[in-house]
């Protein structure tokens, strides 16, 4: 059995062209399905005529060129991935070196920082106290400072 009214197609055609016959108008007053079809037909016609696209689609050559550029970019990222991992590993090693040096010689660093008080500066100038900082501490600072500068310069220059 068919669920549609036999006049539904005629009602939609009449609503589309705004040409109603007396028979269709009389049927429309008594049939709910045809009333709904007539109400929706105008909206659906307007919707099908609207051009929802504000901008035109790009040309095929522009899409192809963009795809080629993206493919090359992904290939470059894939090649650079091991270098990026190595760079992050180097950052971690240098930061761990600084943390280890400061932890290992914290008493010496604390003593050196406290030597900047006015009373201690006067005592040091008179020759009463002289902080003894081991040579290994200075060597560690020079090595870690050099590595830090090398990584900083490499990072800056690698971006260009």
N, C-alpha and C. Protein backbone atom coordinates (compact mmCIF):
# COMPACT_ATOMS: atom_id res chain seq x y z
N UNK A 1 0.84 -1.18 0.00
CA UNK A 1 0.00 0.00 0.00
C UNK A 1 0.88 1.24 0.00
N UNK A 2 0.50 2.24 -0.73
CA UNK A 2 1.26 3.46 -0.88
C UNK A 2 0.89 4.43 0.24
N UNK A 3 1.91 5.03 0.90
CA UNK A 3 1.67 5.97 2.00
C UNK A 3 1.41 7.39 1.51
N UNK A 4 1.69 7.68 0.25
CA UNK A 4 1.55 9.04 -0.26
C UNK A 4 0.17 9.26 -0.88
N UNK A 5 -0.28 10.48 -0.78
CA UNK A 5 -1.53 10.86 -1.42
C UNK A 5 -1.31 10.91 -2.94
N UNK A 6 -2.31 10.52 -3.70
CA UNK A 6 -2.13 10.49 -5.15
C UNK A 6 -2.05 11.89 -5.74
N UNK A 7 -2.46 12.92 -4.99
CA UNK A 7 -2.39 14.30 -5.47
C UNK A 7 -1.10 15.02 -5.05
N UNK A 8 -0.29 14.36 -4.25
CA UNK A 8 0.90 15.03 -3.68
C UNK A 8 1.83 15.57 -4.76
N UNK A 9 2.10 14.79 -5.78
CA UNK A 9 2.99 15.25 -6.85
C UNK A 9 2.40 16.47 -7.56
N UNK A 10 1.09 16.45 -7.80
CA UNK A 10 0.42 17.58 -8.46
C UNK A 10 0.44 18.82 -7.56
N UNK A 11 0.27 18.62 -6.26
CA UNK A 11 0.29 19.74 -5.31
C UNK A 11 1.68 20.38 -5.28
N UNK A 12 2.72 19.56 -5.26
CA UNK A 12 4.09 20.12 -5.25
C UNK A 12 4.37 20.87 -6.55
N UNK A 13 3.91 20.35 -7.67
CA UNK A 13 4.11 21.03 -8.94
C UNK A 13 3.36 22.37 -8.96
N UNK A 14 2.15 22.38 -8.45
CA UNK A 14 1.35 23.61 -8.40
C UNK A 14 1.98 24.62 -7.45
N UNK A 15 2.52 24.16 -6.33
CA UNK A 15 3.16 25.08 -5.38
C UNK A 15 4.43 25.66 -5.97
N UNK A 16 5.16 24.87 -6.75
CA UNK A 16 6.38 25.34 -7.37
C UNK A 16 6.11 26.44 -8.38
N UNK A 17 5.03 26.28 -9.17
CA UNK A 17 4.73 27.23 -10.24
C UNK A 17 3.63 28.22 -9.87
N UNK A 18 3.10 28.09 -8.68
CA UNK A 18 1.98 28.94 -8.20
C UNK A 18 0.79 28.91 -9.16
N UNK A 19 0.45 27.73 -9.62
CA UNK A 19 -0.73 27.53 -10.50
C UNK A 19 -1.63 26.50 -9.85
N UNK A 20 -2.64 27.00 -9.17
CA UNK A 20 -3.55 26.11 -8.43
C UNK A 20 -4.86 25.97 -9.21
N UNK A 21 -5.29 24.75 -9.33
CA UNK A 21 -6.62 24.50 -9.91
C UNK A 21 -7.62 24.42 -8.76
N UNK A 22 -8.90 24.48 -9.12
CA UNK A 22 -9.95 24.43 -8.09
C UNK A 22 -9.96 23.05 -7.41
N UNK A 23 -9.69 22.02 -8.19
CA UNK A 23 -9.70 20.67 -7.64
C UNK A 23 -8.57 20.52 -6.61
N UNK A 24 -7.37 21.03 -6.95
CA UNK A 24 -6.22 20.93 -6.02
C UNK A 24 -6.44 21.79 -4.78
N UNK A 25 -7.03 22.96 -4.94
CA UNK A 25 -7.30 23.81 -3.78
C UNK A 25 -8.31 23.15 -2.85
N UNK A 26 -9.28 22.52 -3.41
CA UNK A 26 -10.28 21.82 -2.58
C UNK A 26 -9.65 20.62 -1.87
N UNK A 27 -8.77 19.90 -2.58
CA UNK A 27 -8.11 18.75 -1.95
C UNK A 27 -7.13 19.21 -0.87
N UNK A 28 -6.44 20.32 -1.12
CA UNK A 28 -5.44 20.84 -0.17
C UNK A 28 -6.09 21.19 1.17
N UNK A 29 -7.34 21.65 1.14
CA UNK A 29 -8.02 22.03 2.37
C UNK A 29 -8.32 20.80 3.23
N UNK A 30 -8.42 19.61 2.63
CA UNK A 30 -8.80 18.43 3.40
C UNK A 30 -7.66 17.45 3.66
N UNK A 31 -6.51 17.60 2.99
CA UNK A 31 -5.42 16.62 3.13
C UNK A 31 -4.21 17.23 3.84
N UNK A 32 -3.86 16.68 5.00
CA UNK A 32 -2.73 17.20 5.79
C UNK A 32 -1.38 16.93 5.12
N UNK A 33 -1.24 15.78 4.48
CA UNK A 33 0.01 15.46 3.79
C UNK A 33 0.28 16.45 2.66
N UNK A 34 -0.74 16.77 1.91
CA UNK A 34 -0.56 17.72 0.81
C UNK A 34 -0.32 19.14 1.32
N UNK A 35 -0.91 19.50 2.46
CA UNK A 35 -0.64 20.82 3.05
C UNK A 35 0.83 20.92 3.45
N UNK A 36 1.37 19.85 4.05
CA UNK A 36 2.78 19.85 4.44
C UNK A 36 3.68 19.90 3.21
N UNK A 37 3.34 19.15 2.18
CA UNK A 37 4.14 19.15 0.95
C UNK A 37 4.14 20.52 0.30
N UNK A 38 2.98 21.19 0.27
CA UNK A 38 2.89 22.52 -0.32
C UNK A 38 3.70 23.54 0.48
N UNK A 39 3.67 23.41 1.80
CA UNK A 39 4.41 24.35 2.65
C UNK A 39 5.91 24.19 2.49
N UNK A 40 6.38 22.97 2.32
CA UNK A 40 7.81 22.69 2.24
C UNK A 40 8.36 22.92 0.83
N UNK A 41 7.54 22.79 -0.17
CA UNK A 41 8.01 22.88 -1.56
C UNK A 41 8.66 24.23 -1.84
N UNK A 42 8.05 25.30 -1.43
CA UNK A 42 8.63 26.63 -1.67
C UNK A 42 9.98 26.79 -0.99
N UNK A 43 10.07 26.33 0.25
CA UNK A 43 11.34 26.42 0.98
C UNK A 43 12.42 25.60 0.30
N UNK A 44 12.06 24.38 -0.12
CA UNK A 44 13.04 23.51 -0.77
C UNK A 44 13.50 24.09 -2.11
N UNK A 45 12.61 24.73 -2.83
CA UNK A 45 13.00 25.37 -4.10
C UNK A 45 13.98 26.52 -3.85
N UNK A 46 13.71 27.33 -2.83
CA UNK A 46 14.62 28.43 -2.50
C UNK A 46 15.98 27.90 -2.05
N UNK A 47 15.94 26.83 -1.28
CA UNK A 47 17.18 26.24 -0.80
C UNK A 47 18.02 25.67 -1.95
N UNK A 48 17.35 25.06 -2.91
CA UNK A 48 18.11 24.49 -4.03
C UNK A 48 18.66 25.56 -4.95
N UNK A 49 18.04 26.73 -4.99
CA UNK A 49 18.52 27.80 -5.85
C UNK A 49 19.62 28.64 -5.19
N UNK A 50 19.68 28.63 -3.87
CA UNK A 50 20.71 29.42 -3.17
C UNK A 50 22.08 28.86 -3.48
N UNK A 51 22.99 29.76 -3.76
CA UNK A 51 24.38 29.34 -3.94
C UNK A 51 25.08 29.61 -2.62
N UNK A 52 25.26 28.57 -1.83
CA UNK A 52 25.82 28.72 -0.49
C UNK A 52 27.31 29.04 -0.53
N UNK A 53 27.95 28.82 -1.65
CA UNK A 53 29.39 29.05 -1.75
C UNK A 53 29.64 30.54 -1.99
N UNK A 54 30.30 31.19 -1.04
CA UNK A 54 30.60 32.61 -1.15
C UNK A 54 31.79 32.82 -2.09
N UNK A 55 32.78 31.97 -1.95
CA UNK A 55 33.96 32.08 -2.80
C UNK A 55 33.97 30.93 -3.80
N UNK A 56 34.51 31.17 -4.98
CA UNK A 56 34.61 30.07 -5.94
C UNK A 56 35.71 29.10 -5.50
N UNK A 57 35.61 27.88 -5.96
CA UNK A 57 36.63 26.89 -5.66
C UNK A 57 37.94 27.27 -6.33
N UNK A 58 39.08 26.95 -5.69
CA UNK A 58 40.36 27.25 -6.33
C UNK A 58 40.57 26.37 -7.55
N UNK A 59 41.47 26.80 -8.40
CA UNK A 59 41.73 26.03 -9.61
C UNK A 59 42.43 24.72 -9.24
N UNK A 60 42.35 23.76 -10.13
CA UNK A 60 42.95 22.46 -9.88
C UNK A 60 44.46 22.56 -9.76
N UNK A 61 45.08 23.46 -10.51
CA UNK A 61 46.54 23.60 -10.43
C UNK A 61 46.97 24.16 -9.07
N UNK A 62 46.16 25.06 -8.49
CA UNK A 62 46.49 25.59 -7.17
C UNK A 62 46.36 24.50 -6.11
N UNK A 63 45.34 23.66 -6.22
CA UNK A 63 45.16 22.56 -5.27
C UNK A 63 46.32 21.57 -5.40
N UNK A 64 46.72 21.27 -6.63
CA UNK A 64 47.84 20.34 -6.86
C UNK A 64 49.13 20.91 -6.28
N UNK A 65 49.39 22.22 -6.50
CA UNK A 65 50.61 22.84 -5.99
C UNK A 65 50.63 22.82 -4.47
N UNK A 66 49.49 23.08 -3.85
CA UNK A 66 49.41 23.06 -2.39
C UNK A 66 49.67 21.65 -1.85
N UNK A 67 49.15 20.65 -2.53
CA UNK A 67 49.39 19.27 -2.12
C UNK A 67 50.87 18.91 -2.23
N UNK A 68 51.53 19.38 -3.27
CA UNK A 68 52.96 19.11 -3.43
C UNK A 68 53.76 19.78 -2.32
N UNK A 69 53.41 21.01 -1.98
CA UNK A 69 54.12 21.72 -0.91
C UNK A 69 53.92 21.03 0.43
N UNK A 70 52.69 20.58 0.71
CA UNK A 70 52.44 19.87 1.96
C UNK A 70 53.21 18.56 2.01
N UNK A 71 53.28 17.86 0.88
CA UNK A 71 54.04 16.60 0.84
C UNK A 71 55.51 16.86 1.13
N UNK A 72 56.07 17.93 0.53
CA UNK A 72 57.47 18.25 0.78
C UNK A 72 57.71 18.68 2.21
N UNK A 73 56.76 19.41 2.80
CA UNK A 73 56.89 19.84 4.18
C UNK A 73 56.88 18.64 5.12
N UNK A 74 55.98 17.70 4.87
CA UNK A 74 55.93 16.50 5.72
C UNK A 74 57.20 15.68 5.58
N UNK A 75 57.75 15.61 4.37
CA UNK A 75 59.00 14.87 4.18
C UNK A 75 60.15 15.55 4.92
N UNK A 76 60.20 16.88 4.89
CA UNK A 76 61.25 17.61 5.61
C UNK A 76 61.11 17.41 7.12
N UNK A 77 59.89 17.42 7.63
CA UNK A 77 59.69 17.19 9.06
C UNK A 77 60.12 15.78 9.46
N UNK A 78 59.84 14.81 8.60
CA UNK A 78 60.23 13.43 8.88
C UNK A 78 61.74 13.28 8.92
N UNK A 79 62.44 13.98 8.03
CA UNK A 79 63.90 13.92 8.00
C UNK A 79 64.49 14.63 9.21
N UNK A 80 63.88 15.74 9.64
CA UNK A 80 64.42 16.54 10.74
C UNK A 80 64.09 15.97 12.11
N UNK A 81 63.20 14.99 12.20
CA UNK A 81 62.79 14.46 13.49
C UNK A 81 63.95 13.93 14.34
N UNK A 82 64.91 13.16 13.80
CA UNK A 82 66.03 12.70 14.65
C UNK A 82 66.88 13.85 15.18
N UNK A 83 67.06 14.89 14.37
CA UNK A 83 67.83 16.05 14.82
C UNK A 83 67.11 16.79 15.94
N UNK A 84 65.79 16.86 15.84
CA UNK A 84 65.01 17.51 16.90
C UNK A 84 65.11 16.72 18.20
N UNK A 85 65.03 15.41 18.11
CA UNK A 85 65.16 14.57 19.31
C UNK A 85 66.54 14.75 19.93
N UNK A 86 67.58 14.78 19.09
CA UNK A 86 68.93 14.98 19.59
C UNK A 86 69.08 16.35 20.25
N UNK A 87 68.46 17.37 19.68
CA UNK A 87 68.54 18.71 20.25
C UNK A 87 67.87 18.75 21.63
N UNK A 88 66.70 18.14 21.77
CA UNK A 88 66.04 18.11 23.08
C UNK A 88 66.84 17.30 24.09
N UNK A 89 67.47 16.25 23.63
CA UNK A 89 68.34 15.46 24.51
C UNK A 89 69.52 16.30 24.98
N UNK A 90 70.10 17.09 24.08
CA UNK A 90 71.21 17.97 24.45
C UNK A 90 70.75 19.01 25.47
N UNK A 91 69.56 19.60 25.28
CA UNK A 91 69.04 20.55 26.27
C UNK A 91 68.93 19.89 27.64
N UNK A 92 68.40 18.68 27.66
CA UNK A 92 68.24 17.96 28.92
C UNK A 92 69.59 17.68 29.58
N UNK A 93 70.59 17.28 28.79
CA UNK A 93 71.92 16.99 29.35
C UNK A 93 72.55 18.25 29.93
N UNK A 94 72.46 19.36 29.22
CA UNK A 94 73.06 20.61 29.72
C UNK A 94 72.32 21.08 30.98
N UNK A 95 71.00 21.02 30.97
CA UNK A 95 70.24 21.45 32.16
C UNK A 95 70.57 20.54 33.34
N UNK A 96 70.71 19.23 33.09
CA UNK A 96 71.08 18.31 34.16
C UNK A 96 72.49 18.60 34.66
N UNK A 97 73.37 18.97 33.75
CA UNK A 97 74.74 19.32 34.16
C UNK A 97 74.76 20.54 35.07
N UNK A 98 73.99 21.57 34.71
CA UNK A 98 73.92 22.75 35.58
C UNK A 98 73.33 22.39 36.94
N UNK A 99 72.26 21.62 36.94
CA UNK A 99 71.63 21.23 38.20
C UNK A 99 72.59 20.39 39.04
N UNK A 100 73.30 19.48 38.40
CA UNK A 100 74.26 18.63 39.13
C UNK A 100 75.41 19.43 39.70
N UNK A 101 75.95 20.37 38.92
CA UNK A 101 77.07 21.19 39.40
C UNK A 101 76.65 22.06 40.58
N UNK A 102 75.47 22.67 40.46
CA UNK A 102 75.00 23.52 41.56
C UNK A 102 74.68 22.70 42.81
N UNK A 103 74.16 21.50 42.63
CA UNK A 103 73.87 20.64 43.78
C UNK A 103 75.16 20.14 44.42
N UNK A 104 76.13 19.75 43.59
CA UNK A 104 77.40 19.21 44.08
C UNK A 104 78.18 20.26 44.87
N UNK A 105 78.18 21.47 44.40
CA UNK A 105 78.97 22.53 45.05
C UNK A 105 78.07 23.62 45.64
N UNK A 106 76.92 23.24 46.16
CA UNK A 106 76.00 24.23 46.69
C UNK A 106 76.60 25.01 47.86
N UNK A 107 77.34 24.37 48.72
CA UNK A 107 77.94 25.08 49.85
C UNK A 107 78.90 26.16 49.35
N UNK A 108 79.68 25.85 48.33
CA UNK A 108 80.61 26.84 47.78
C UNK A 108 79.85 27.97 47.12
N UNK A 109 78.79 27.64 46.37
CA UNK A 109 77.99 28.67 45.70
C UNK A 109 77.32 29.56 46.73
N UNK A 110 76.78 28.97 47.79
CA UNK A 110 76.12 29.74 48.85
C UNK A 110 77.12 30.66 49.53
N UNK A 111 78.32 30.13 49.82
CA UNK A 111 79.36 30.93 50.46
C UNK A 111 79.77 32.09 49.56
N UNK A 112 79.87 31.82 48.27
CA UNK A 112 80.26 32.87 47.32
C UNK A 112 79.17 33.94 47.22
N UNK A 113 77.87 33.53 47.22
CA UNK A 113 76.78 34.49 47.15
C UNK A 113 76.70 35.34 48.42
N UNK A 114 77.00 34.73 49.58
CA UNK A 114 76.98 35.48 50.82
C UNK A 114 78.17 36.43 50.94
N UNK A 115 79.17 36.23 50.09
CA UNK A 115 80.35 37.09 50.15
C UNK A 115 80.07 38.48 49.59
N UNK A 116 78.89 38.70 49.04
CA UNK A 116 78.55 40.00 48.50
C UNK A 116 77.91 40.93 49.52
N UNK A 117 77.80 40.52 50.77
CA UNK A 117 77.28 41.41 51.80
C UNK A 117 78.33 42.47 52.11
N UNK A 118 77.92 43.65 52.54
CA UNK A 118 78.90 44.71 52.81
C UNK A 118 79.95 44.32 53.85
N UNK A 119 79.53 43.62 54.89
CA UNK A 119 80.50 43.24 55.94
C UNK A 119 81.53 42.27 55.38
N UNK A 120 81.10 41.33 54.57
CA UNK A 120 82.02 40.34 54.01
C UNK A 120 82.94 40.98 52.98
N UNK A 121 82.44 41.97 52.23
CA UNK A 121 83.29 42.65 51.24
C UNK A 121 84.42 43.38 51.96
N UNK A 122 84.10 43.99 53.10
CA UNK A 122 85.14 44.70 53.87
C UNK A 122 86.16 43.71 54.42
N UNK A 123 85.70 42.57 54.91
CA UNK A 123 86.62 41.55 55.43
C UNK A 123 87.51 41.01 54.31
N UNK A 124 86.94 40.79 53.14
CA UNK A 124 87.73 40.27 52.02
C UNK A 124 88.75 41.29 51.56
N UNK A 125 88.37 42.58 51.59
CA UNK A 125 89.30 43.62 51.16
C UNK A 125 90.45 43.74 52.14
N UNK A 126 90.22 43.49 53.41
CA UNK A 126 91.30 43.57 54.40
C UNK A 126 92.15 42.30 54.40
N UNK A 127 91.70 41.25 53.66
CA UNK A 127 92.49 40.04 53.56
C UNK A 127 92.24 39.06 54.69
N UNK A 128 91.21 39.29 55.51
CA UNK A 128 90.94 38.39 56.63
C UNK A 128 90.37 37.03 56.17
N UNK A 129 89.45 37.06 55.20
CA UNK A 129 88.86 35.80 54.71
C UNK A 129 88.92 35.78 53.20
N UNK A 130 89.20 34.65 52.70
CA UNK A 130 89.19 34.45 51.24
C UNK A 130 88.49 33.14 50.96
N UNK A 131 87.37 33.19 50.24
CA UNK A 131 86.66 31.94 49.96
C UNK A 131 87.49 31.07 49.02
N UNK A 132 87.53 29.82 49.34
CA UNK A 132 88.28 28.90 48.50
C UNK A 132 87.31 28.13 47.61
N UNK A 133 87.40 28.37 46.33
CA UNK A 133 86.55 27.69 45.37
C UNK A 133 87.44 26.75 44.58
N UNK A 134 87.08 25.46 44.54
CA UNK A 134 87.94 24.49 43.86
C UNK A 134 88.01 24.74 42.35
N UNK A 135 89.11 24.34 41.76
CA UNK A 135 89.33 24.51 40.34
C UNK A 135 88.33 23.69 39.51
N UNK A 136 87.89 22.55 40.02
CA UNK A 136 86.90 21.71 39.31
C UNK A 136 85.58 22.46 39.13
N UNK A 137 85.24 23.30 40.08
CA UNK A 137 84.01 24.08 39.97
C UNK A 137 84.12 25.06 38.81
N UNK A 138 85.26 25.76 38.72
CA UNK A 138 85.48 26.70 37.61
C UNK A 138 85.49 25.96 36.27
N UNK A 139 86.11 24.79 36.23
CA UNK A 139 86.15 24.01 34.99
C UNK A 139 84.74 23.58 34.59
N UNK A 140 83.93 23.16 35.54
CA UNK A 140 82.55 22.79 35.26
C UNK A 140 81.74 23.95 34.72
N UNK A 141 81.95 25.13 35.31
CA UNK A 141 81.24 26.32 34.83
C UNK A 141 81.65 26.65 33.40
N UNK A 142 82.94 26.58 33.10
CA UNK A 142 83.41 26.88 31.74
C UNK A 142 82.84 25.88 30.73
N UNK A 143 82.87 24.60 31.06
CA UNK A 143 82.35 23.58 30.13
C UNK A 143 80.85 23.75 29.92
N UNK A 144 80.11 23.91 31.01
CA UNK A 144 78.66 24.04 30.87
C UNK A 144 78.26 25.36 30.19
N UNK A 145 78.97 26.43 30.47
CA UNK A 145 78.69 27.70 29.80
C UNK A 145 78.97 27.59 28.30
N UNK A 146 80.05 26.89 27.94
CA UNK A 146 80.36 26.70 26.52
C UNK A 146 79.28 25.87 25.83
N UNK A 147 78.85 24.80 26.47
CA UNK A 147 77.80 23.97 25.89
C UNK A 147 76.48 24.74 25.78
N UNK A 148 76.18 25.55 26.77
CA UNK A 148 74.96 26.34 26.74
C UNK A 148 75.00 27.33 25.59
N UNK A 149 76.12 28.01 25.41
CA UNK A 149 76.26 28.97 24.31
C UNK A 149 76.18 28.26 22.96
N UNK A 150 76.81 27.09 22.85
CA UNK A 150 76.78 26.33 21.60
C UNK A 150 75.34 25.95 21.25
N UNK A 151 74.59 25.45 22.22
CA UNK A 151 73.20 25.08 21.97
C UNK A 151 72.34 26.29 21.62
N UNK A 152 72.57 27.39 22.31
CA UNK A 152 71.79 28.60 22.02
C UNK A 152 72.06 29.09 20.60
N UNK A 153 73.32 29.15 20.21
CA UNK A 153 73.65 29.59 18.87
C UNK A 153 73.13 28.63 17.81
N UNK A 154 73.25 27.33 18.09
CA UNK A 154 72.74 26.34 17.15
C UNK A 154 71.23 26.48 16.97
N UNK A 155 70.52 26.71 18.06
CA UNK A 155 69.07 26.86 17.99
C UNK A 155 68.70 28.11 17.19
N UNK A 156 69.40 29.21 17.43
CA UNK A 156 69.10 30.46 16.73
C UNK A 156 69.41 30.33 15.25
N UNK A 157 70.56 29.77 14.93
CA UNK A 157 70.97 29.67 13.53
C UNK A 157 70.19 28.58 12.78
N UNK A 158 69.74 27.55 13.47
CA UNK A 158 69.00 26.48 12.81
C UNK A 158 67.61 26.93 12.39
N UNK A 159 67.06 27.94 13.05
CA UNK A 159 65.75 28.43 12.70
C UNK A 159 65.78 29.22 11.41
N UNK A 160 66.91 29.77 11.05
CA UNK A 160 67.00 30.57 9.82
C UNK A 160 67.33 29.74 8.68
